[in-house]
Amino acid sequence: METAYIVTGTLTEDHTVALDESLPLAQGKVRLSVEPLSPAPKRPHDEVIAEIRERQRARGHQPRTREEIDIDIQAERDSWSD
């Protein structure tokens, strides 16, 4: 088995990995295992919900009405007594 090298690097916006140090290898195909070293920053709840709702709006999502939900709940409850 060939020697494995463990180095750190930075994943850029164009999905290129820039290594922090050079490797003693010739050009050729290599295998990478990518592991984030710092967790993604926590985002405020309201920001996440606003983003979700914007994506839903953009794709034309229509949430169920209260009446539709109430009908489904009642149908489920009615099935319990069968």
PDB file of N, CA and C in Angstrom:
ATOM      1  N   MET A   1       0.843  -1.182   0.000  1.00  0.00           N
ATOM      2  CA  MET A   1       0.000   0.000   0.000  1.00  0.00           C
ATOM      3  C   MET A   1       0.882   1.237   0.000  1.00  0.00           C
ATOM      4  N   GLU A   2       0.502   2.219  -0.777  1.00  0.00           N
ATOM      5  CA  GLU A   2       1.243   3.474  -0.848  1.00  0.00           C
ATOM      6  C   GLU A   2       1.093   4.249   0.460  1.00  0.00           C
ATOM      7  N   THR A   3       2.003   5.177   0.674  1.00  0.00           N
ATOM      8  CA  THR A   3       1.941   6.044   1.846  1.00  0.00           C
ATOM      9  C   THR A   3       0.765   7.001   1.722  1.00  0.00           C
ATOM     10  N   ALA A   4       0.000   7.156   2.784  1.00  0.00           N
ATOM     11  CA  ALA A   4      -1.108   8.118   2.811  1.00  0.00           C
ATOM     12  C   ALA A   4      -0.620   9.396   3.475  1.00  0.00           C
ATOM     13  N   TYR A   5      -1.021  10.518   2.945  1.00  0.00           N
ATOM     14  CA  TYR A   5      -0.645  11.820   3.497  1.00  0.00           C
ATOM     15  C   TYR A   5      -1.897  12.505   4.010  1.00  0.00           C
ATOM     16  N   ILE A   6      -1.803  13.066   5.193  1.00  0.00           N
ATOM     17  CA  ILE A   6      -2.918  13.807   5.774  1.00  0.00           C
ATOM     18  C   ILE A   6      -2.505  15.268   5.834  1.00  0.00           C
ATOM     19  N   VAL A   7      -3.218  16.100   5.107  1.00  0.00           N
ATOM     20  CA  VAL A   7      -2.949  17.539   5.097  1.00  0.00           C
ATOM     21  C   VAL A   7      -4.273  18.276   5.234  1.00  0.00           C
ATOM     22  N   THR A   8      -4.209  19.510   5.642  1.00  0.00           N
ATOM     23  CA  THR A   8      -5.402  20.343   5.711  1.00  0.00           C
ATOM     24  C   THR A   8      -5.436  21.246   4.490  1.00  0.00           C
ATOM     25  N   GLY A   9      -6.560  21.818   4.243  1.00  0.00           N
ATOM     26  CA  GLY A   9      -6.720  22.713   3.114  1.00  0.00           C
ATOM     27  C   GLY A   9      -7.993  23.509   3.267  1.00  0.00           C
ATOM     28  N   THR A  10      -8.295  24.279   2.235  1.00  0.00           N
ATOM     29  CA  THR A  10      -9.479  25.125   2.250  1.00  0.00           C
ATOM     30  C   THR A  10     -10.313  24.833   1.013  1.00  0.00           C
ATOM     31  N   LEU A  11     -11.593  24.598   1.220  1.00  0.00           N
ATOM     32  CA  LEU A  11     -12.518  24.388   0.119  1.00  0.00           C
ATOM     33  C   LEU A  11     -13.003  25.762  -0.327  1.00  0.00           C
ATOM     34  N   THR A  12     -12.753  26.101  -1.584  1.00  0.00           N
ATOM     35  CA  THR A  12     -13.104  27.426  -2.084  1.00  0.00           C
ATOM     36  C   THR A  12     -14.521  27.424  -2.651  1.00  0.00           C
ATOM     37  N   GLU A  13     -15.007  28.605  -2.994  1.00  0.00           N
ATOM     38  CA  GLU A  13     -16.368  28.732  -3.513  1.00  0.00           C
ATOM     39  C   GLU A  13     -16.564  27.974  -4.816  1.00  0.00           C
ATOM     40  N   ASP A  14     -15.503  27.815  -5.603  1.00  0.00           N
ATOM     41  CA  ASP A  14     -15.633  27.080  -6.863  1.00  0.00           C
ATOM     42  C   ASP A  14     -15.367  25.587  -6.688  1.00  0.00           C
ATOM     43  N   HIS A  15     -15.469  25.113  -5.441  1.00  0.00           N
ATOM     44  CA  HIS A  15     -15.327  23.699  -5.088  1.00  0.00           C
ATOM     45  C   HIS A  15     -13.946  23.140  -5.407  1.00  0.00           C
ATOM     46  N   THR A  16     -12.937  23.967  -5.233  1.00  0.00           N
ATOM     47  CA  THR A  16     -11.549  23.547  -5.386  1.00  0.00           C
ATOM     48  C   THR A  16     -10.933  23.457  -3.996  1.00  0.00           C
ATOM     49  N   VAL A  17     -10.127  22.445  -3.767  1.00  0.00           N
ATOM     50  CA  VAL A  17      -9.444  22.317  -2.486  1.00  0.00           C
ATOM     51  C   VAL A  17      -8.028  22.859  -2.649  1.00  0.00           C
ATOM     52  N   ALA A  18      -7.696  23.887  -1.889  1.00  0.00           N
ATOM     53  CA  ALA A  18      -6.348  24.445  -1.881  1.00  0.00           C
ATOM     54  C   ALA A  18      -5.634  23.882  -0.656  1.00  0.00           C
ATOM     55  N   LEU A  19      -4.617  23.054  -0.869  1.00  0.00           N
ATOM     56  CA  LEU A  19      -3.912  22.419   0.236  1.00  0.00           C
ATOM     57  C   LEU A  19      -3.015  23.422   0.954  1.00  0.00           C
ATOM     58  N   ASP A  20      -2.868  23.230   2.262  1.00  0.00           N
ATOM     59  CA  ASP A  20      -2.026  24.110   3.064  1.00  0.00           C
ATOM     60  C   ASP A  20      -0.538  23.827   2.869  1.00  0.00           C
ATOM     61  N   GLU A  21      -0.203  22.671   2.331  1.00  0.00           N
ATOM     62  CA  GLU A  21       1.199  22.326   2.055  1.00  0.00           C
ATOM     63  C   GLU A  21       1.250  21.406   0.844  1.00  0.00           C
ATOM     64  N   SER A  22       2.375  21.403   0.186  1.00  0.00           N
ATOM     65  CA  SER A  22       2.505  20.555  -0.997  1.00  0.00           C
ATOM     66  C   SER A  22       2.750  19.106  -0.586  1.00  0.00           C
ATOM     67  N   LEU A  23       2.458  18.211  -1.498  1.00  0.00           N
ATOM     68  CA  LEU A  23       2.647  16.782  -1.260  1.00  0.00           C
ATOM     69  C   LEU A  23       3.794  16.266  -2.124  1.00  0.00           C
ATOM     70  N   PRO A  24       4.557  15.312  -1.601  1.00  0.00           N
ATOM     71  CA  PRO A  24       5.669  14.757  -2.373  1.00  0.00           C
ATOM     72  C   PRO A  24       5.200  13.687  -3.361  1.00  0.00           C
ATOM     73  N   LEU A  25       4.263  14.068  -4.230  1.00  0.00           N
ATOM     74  CA  LEU A  25       3.689  13.137  -5.193  1.00  0.00           C
ATOM     75  C   LEU A  25       3.783  13.726  -6.597  1.00  0.00           C
ATOM     76  N   ALA A  26       3.854  12.849  -7.569  1.00  0.00           N
ATOM     77  CA  ALA A  26       3.797  13.290  -8.961  1.00  0.00           C
ATOM     78  C   ALA A  26       2.324  13.528  -9.309  1.00  0.00           C
ATOM     79  N   GLN A  27       2.080  14.181 -10.432  1.00  0.00           N
ATOM     80  CA  GLN A  27       0.712  14.383 -10.872  1.00  0.00           C
ATOM     81  C   GLN A  27       0.036  13.044 -11.088  1.00  0.00           C
ATOM     82  N   GLY A  28      -1.226  12.990 -10.823  1.00  0.00           N
ATOM     83  CA  GLY A  28      -1.979  11.762 -11.026  1.00  0.00           C
ATOM     84  C   GLY A  28      -3.230  11.762 -10.184  1.00  0.00           C
ATOM     85  N   LYS A  29      -3.996  10.753 -10.353  1.00  0.00           N
ATOM     86  CA  LYS A  29      -5.255  10.614  -9.633  1.00  0.00           C
ATOM     87  C   LYS A  29      -4.985  10.249  -8.172  1.00  0.00           C
ATOM     88  N   VAL A  30      -5.743  10.856  -7.255  1.00  0.00           N
ATOM     89  CA  VAL A  30      -5.616  10.575  -5.825  1.00  0.00           C
ATOM     90  C   VAL A  30      -7.010  10.395  -5.233  1.00  0.00           C
ATOM     91  N   ARG A  31      -7.069   9.825  -4.047  1.00  0.00           N
ATOM     92  CA  ARG A  31      -8.330   9.666  -3.329  1.00  0.00           C
ATOM     93  C   ARG A  31      -8.354  10.681  -2.198  1.00  0.00           C
ATOM     94  N   LEU A  32      -9.465  11.384  -2.060  1.00  0.00           N
ATOM     95  CA  LEU A  32      -9.624  12.381  -1.003  1.00  0.00           C
ATOM     96  C   LEU A  32     -10.729  11.959  -0.048  1.00  0.00           C
ATOM     97  N   SER A  33     -10.541  12.283   1.198  1.00  0.00           N
ATOM     98  CA  SER A  33     -11.583  12.153   2.196  1.00  0.00           C
ATOM     99  C   SER A  33     -11.710  13.524   2.829  1.00  0.00           C
ATOM    100  N   VAL A  34     -12.867  14.175   2.687  1.00  0.00           N
ATOM    101  CA  VAL A  34     -13.033  15.550   3.149  1.00  0.00           C
ATOM    102  C   VAL A  34     -13.829  15.554   4.445  1.00  0.00           C
ATOM    103  N   GLU A  35     -13.288  16.213   5.445  1.00  0.00           N
ATOM    104  CA  GLU A  35     -13.920  16.315   6.763  1.00  0.00           C
ATOM    105  C   GLU A  35     -13.873  17.768   7.201  1.00  0.00           C
ATOM    106  N   PRO A  36     -15.014  18.413   7.417  1.00  0.00           N
ATOM    107  CA  PRO A  36     -14.995  19.797   7.894  1.00  0.00           C
ATOM    108  C   PRO A  36     -14.300  19.878   9.254  1.00  0.00           C
ATOM    109  N   LEU A  37     -13.437  20.867   9.412  1.00  0.00           N
ATOM    110  CA  LEU A  37     -12.709  21.005  10.668  1.00  0.00           C
ATOM    111  C   LEU A  37     -13.391  21.957  11.639  1.00  0.00           C
ATOM    112  N   SER A  38     -14.295  22.769  11.148  1.00  0.00           N
ATOM    113  CA  SER A  38     -15.040  23.640  12.048  1.00  0.00           C
ATOM    114  C   SER A  38     -16.515  23.507  11.704  1.00  0.00           C
ATOM    115  N   PRO A  39     -17.366  23.485  12.706  1.00  0.00           N
ATOM    116  CA  PRO A  39     -18.795  23.315  12.440  1.00  0.00           C
ATOM    117  C   PRO A  39     -19.354  24.538  11.709  1.00  0.00           C
ATOM    118  N   ALA A  40     -20.410  24.293  10.955  1.00  0.00           N
ATOM    119  CA  ALA A  40     -21.081  25.409  10.283  1.00  0.00           C
ATOM    120  C   ALA A  40     -21.646  26.338  11.349  1.00  0.00           C
ATOM    121  N   PRO A  41     -21.574  27.631  11.113  1.00  0.00           N
ATOM    122  CA  PRO A  41     -22.086  28.564  12.134  1.00  0.00           C
ATOM    123  C   PRO A  41     -23.588  28.382  12.338  1.00  0.00           C
ATOM    124  N   LYS A  42     -24.017  28.500  13.574  1.00  0.00           N
ATOM    125  CA  LYS A  42     -25.439  28.398  13.896  1.00  0.00           C
ATOM    126  C   LYS A  42     -26.134  29.645  13.370  1.00  0.00           C
ATOM    127  N   ARG A  43     -27.301  29.420  12.774  1.00  0.00           N
ATOM    128  CA  ARG A  43     -28.071  30.543  12.259  1.00  0.00           C
ATOM    129  C   ARG A  43     -29.308  30.737  13.123  1.00  0.00           C
ATOM    130  N   PRO A  44     -29.764  31.977  13.253  1.00  0.00           N
ATOM    131  CA  PRO A  44     -30.971  32.220  14.047  1.00  0.00           C
ATOM    132  C   PRO A  44     -32.170  31.480  13.460  1.00  0.00           C
ATOM    133  N   HIS A  45     -33.023  30.984  14.340  1.00  0.00           N
ATOM    134  CA  HIS A  45     -34.218  30.231  13.958  1.00  0.00           C
ATOM    135  C   HIS A  45     -35.050  31.007  12.932  1.00  0.00           C
ATOM    136  N   ASP A  46     -35.292  32.285  13.197  1.00  0.00           N
ATOM    137  CA  ASP A  46     -36.124  33.085  12.298  1.00  0.00           C
ATOM    138  C   ASP A  46     -35.525  33.164  10.899  1.00  0.00           C
ATOM    139  N   GLU A  47     -34.202  33.228  10.810  1.00  0.00           N
ATOM    140  CA  GLU A  47     -33.527  33.293   9.507  1.00  0.00           C
ATOM    141  C   GLU A  47     -33.715  31.987   8.735  1.00  0.00           C
ATOM    142  N   VAL A  48     -33.587  30.867   9.428  1.00  0.00           N
ATOM    143  CA  VAL A  48     -33.750  29.560   8.787  1.00  0.00           C
ATOM    144  C   VAL A  48     -35.191  29.386   8.298  1.00  0.00           C
ATOM    145  N   ILE A  49     -36.161  29.712   9.138  1.00  0.00           N
ATOM    146  CA  ILE A  49     -37.576  29.582   8.763  1.00  0.00           C
ATOM    147  C   ILE A  49     -37.892  30.497   7.583  1.00  0.00           C
ATOM    148  N   ALA A  50     -37.361  31.732   7.587  1.00  0.00           N
ATOM    149  CA  ALA A  50     -37.601  32.653   6.475  1.00  0.00           C
ATOM    150  C   ALA A  50     -37.037  32.091   5.173  1.00  0.00           C
ATOM    151  N   GLU A  51     -35.870  31.455   5.242  1.00  0.00           N
ATOM    152  CA  GLU A  51     -35.271  30.856   4.053  1.00  0.00           C
ATOM    153  C   GLU A  51     -36.114  29.691   3.540  1.00  0.00           C
ATOM    154  N   ILE A  52     -36.589  28.861   4.447  1.00  0.00           N
ATOM    155  CA  ILE A  52     -37.441  27.730   4.059  1.00  0.00           C
ATOM    156  C   ILE A  52     -38.717  28.243   3.391  1.00  0.00           C
ATOM    157  N   ARG A  53     -39.346  29.229   3.989  1.00  0.00           N
ATOM    158  CA  ARG A  53     -40.592  29.764   3.424  1.00  0.00           C
ATOM    159  C   ARG A  53     -40.356  30.416   2.070  1.00  0.00           C
ATOM    160  N   GLU A  54     -39.225  31.080   1.895  1.00  0.00           N
ATOM    161  CA  GLU A  54     -38.908  31.691   0.604  1.00  0.00           C
ATOM    162  C   GLU A  54     -38.730  30.623  -0.471  1.00  0.00           C
ATOM    163  N   ARG A  55     -38.042  29.517  -0.135  1.00  0.00           N
ATOM    164  CA  ARG A  55     -37.872  28.430  -1.109  1.00  0.00           C
ATOM    165  C   ARG A  55     -39.223  27.800  -1.449  1.00  0.00           C
ATOM    166  N   GLN A  56     -40.092  27.645  -0.436  1.00  0.00           N
ATOM    167  CA  GLN A  56     -41.424  27.106  -0.689  1.00  0.00           C
ATOM    168  C   GLN A  56     -42.217  28.044  -1.605  1.00  0.00           C
ATOM    169  N   ARG A  57     -42.160  29.345  -1.331  1.00  0.00           N
ATOM    170  CA  ARG A  57     -42.874  30.325  -2.150  1.00  0.00           C
ATOM    171  C   ARG A  57     -42.369  30.289  -3.587  1.00  0.00           C
ATOM    172  N   ALA A  58     -41.040  30.201  -3.749  1.00  0.00           N
ATOM    173  CA  ALA A  58     -40.434  30.218  -5.078  1.00  0.00           C
ATOM    174  C   ALA A  58     -40.861  29.013  -5.919  1.00  0.00           C
ATOM    175  N   ARG A  59     -41.118  27.876  -5.275  1.00  0.00           N
ATOM    176  CA  ARG A  59     -41.525  26.692  -6.035  1.00  0.00           C
ATOM    177  C   ARG A  59     -43.047  26.528  -6.075  1.00  0.00           C
ATOM    178  N   GLY A  60     -43.770  27.509  -5.525  1.00  0.00           N
ATOM    179  CA  GLY A  60     -45.226  27.487  -5.617  1.00  0.00           C
ATOM    180  C   GLY A  60     -45.921  26.620  -4.594  1.00  0.00           C
ATOM    181  N   HIS A  61     -45.251  26.306  -3.510  1.00  0.00           N
ATOM    182  CA  HIS A  61     -45.853  25.454  -2.466  1.00  0.00           C
ATOM    183  C   HIS A  61     -47.064  26.152  -1.852  1.00  0.00           C
ATOM    184  N   GLN A  62     -48.153  25.404  -1.733  1.00  0.00           N
ATOM    185  CA  GLN A  62     -49.356  25.901  -1.078  1.00  0.00           C
ATOM    186  C   GLN A  62     -49.608  25.050   0.165  1.00  0.00           C
ATOM    187  N   PRO A  63     -49.407  25.600   1.357  1.00  0.00           N
ATOM    188  CA  PRO A  63     -49.646  24.801   2.567  1.00  0.00           C
ATOM    189  C   PRO A  63     -51.132  24.463   2.694  1.00  0.00           C
ATOM    190  N   ARG A  64     -51.408  23.372   3.406  1.00  0.00           N
ATOM    191  CA  ARG A  64     -52.794  22.989   3.635  1.00  0.00           C
ATOM    192  C   ARG A  64     -53.482  24.046   4.486  1.00  0.00           C
ATOM    193  N   THR A  65     -54.769  24.204   4.253  1.00  0.00           N
ATOM    194  CA  THR A  65     -55.542  25.151   5.051  1.00  0.00           C
ATOM    195  C   THR A  65     -55.870  24.521   6.401  1.00  0.00           C
ATOM    196  N   ARG A  66     -56.279  25.359   7.325  1.00  0.00           N
ATOM    197  CA  ARG A  66     -56.684  24.846   8.634  1.00  0.00           C
ATOM    198  C   ARG A  66     -57.841  23.866   8.485  1.00  0.00           C
ATOM    199  N   GLU A  67     -58.760  24.187   7.577  1.00  0.00           N
ATOM    200  CA  GLU A  67     -59.923  23.324   7.364  1.00  0.00           C
ATOM    201  C   GLU A  67     -59.490  21.948   6.847  1.00  0.00           C
ATOM    202  N   GLU A  68     -58.524  21.910   5.923  1.00  0.00           N
ATOM    203  CA  GLU A  68     -58.036  20.628   5.390  1.00  0.00           C
ATOM    204  C   GLU A  68     -57.377  19.794   6.501  1.00  0.00           C
ATOM    205  N   ILE A  69     -56.630  20.451   7.340  1.00  0.00           N
ATOM    206  CA  ILE A  69     -55.967  19.755   8.455  1.00  0.00           C
ATOM    207  C   ILE A  69     -57.005  19.224   9.434  1.00  0.00           C
ATOM    208  N   ASP A  70     -58.011  20.051   9.759  1.00  0.00           N
ATOM    209  CA  ASP A  70     -59.064  19.618  10.681  1.00  0.00           C
ATOM    210  C   ASP A  70     -59.823  18.408  10.129  1.00  0.00           C
ATOM    211  N   ILE A  71     -60.085  18.388   8.812  1.00  0.00           N
ATOM    212  CA  ILE A  71     -60.769  17.253   8.194  1.00  0.00           C
ATOM    213  C   ILE A  71     -59.923  15.983   8.327  1.00  0.00           C
ATOM    214  N   ASP A  72     -58.620  16.104   8.063  1.00  0.00           N
ATOM    215  CA  ASP A  72     -57.722  14.946   8.187  1.00  0.00           C
ATOM    216  C   ASP A  72     -57.659  14.440   9.626  1.00  0.00           C
ATOM    217  N   ILE A  73     -57.593  15.355  10.578  1.00  0.00           N
ATOM    218  CA  ILE A  73     -57.544  14.956  11.994  1.00  0.00           C
ATOM    219  C   ILE A  73     -58.837  14.246  12.378  1.00  0.00           C
ATOM    220  N   GLN A  74     -59.970  14.796  11.954  1.00  0.00           N
ATOM    221  CA  GLN A  74     -61.246  14.170  12.290  1.00  0.00           C
ATOM    222  C   GLN A  74     -61.361  12.791  11.654  1.00  0.00           C
ATOM    223  N   ALA A  75     -60.905  12.637  10.416  1.00  0.00           N
ATOM    224  CA  ALA A  75     -60.945  11.341   9.748  1.00  0.00           C
ATOM    225  C   ALA A  75     -60.081  10.325  10.500  1.00  0.00           C
ATOM    226  N   GLU A  76     -58.933  10.759  10.972  1.00  0.00           N
ATOM    227  CA  GLU A  76     -58.064   9.866  11.751  1.00  0.00           C
ATOM    228  C   GLU A  76     -58.761   9.461  13.044  1.00  0.00           C
ATOM    229  N   ARG A  77     -59.359  10.428  13.749  1.00  0.00           N
ATOM    230  CA  ARG A  77     -60.053  10.114  15.004  1.00  0.00           C
ATOM    231  C   ARG A  77     -61.232   9.172  14.758  1.00  0.00           C
ATOM    232  N   ASP A  78     -61.948   9.409  13.645  1.00  0.00           N
ATOM    233  CA  ASP A  78     -63.099   8.549  13.337  1.00  0.00           C
ATOM    234  C   ASP A  78     -62.632   7.111  13.071  1.00  0.00           C
ATOM    235  N   SER A  79     -61.437   6.935  12.550  1.00  0.00           N
ATOM    236  CA  SER A  79     -60.944   5.582  12.248  1.00  0.00           C
ATOM    237  C   SER A  79     -60.623   4.800  13.515  1.00  0.00           C
ATOM    238  N   TRP A  80     -60.443   5.470  14.636  1.00  0.00           N
ATOM    239  CA  TRP A  80     -60.114   4.782  15.882  1.00  0.00           C
ATOM    240  C   TRP A  80     -61.277   3.968  16.411  1.00  0.00           C
ATOM    241  N   SER A  81     -62.488   4.395  16.111  1.00  0.00           N
ATOM    242  CA  SER A  81     -63.658   3.716  16.675  1.00  0.00           C
ATOM    243  C   SER A  81     -64.182   2.609  15.769  1.00  0.00           C
ATOM    244  N   ASP A  82     -63.523   2.361  14.665  1.00  0.00           N
ATOM    245  CA  ASP A  82     -63.957   1.282  13.748  1.00  0.00           C
ATOM    246  C   ASP A  82     -63.591  -0.070  14.259  1.00  0.00           C
TER     247      ASP A  82
END
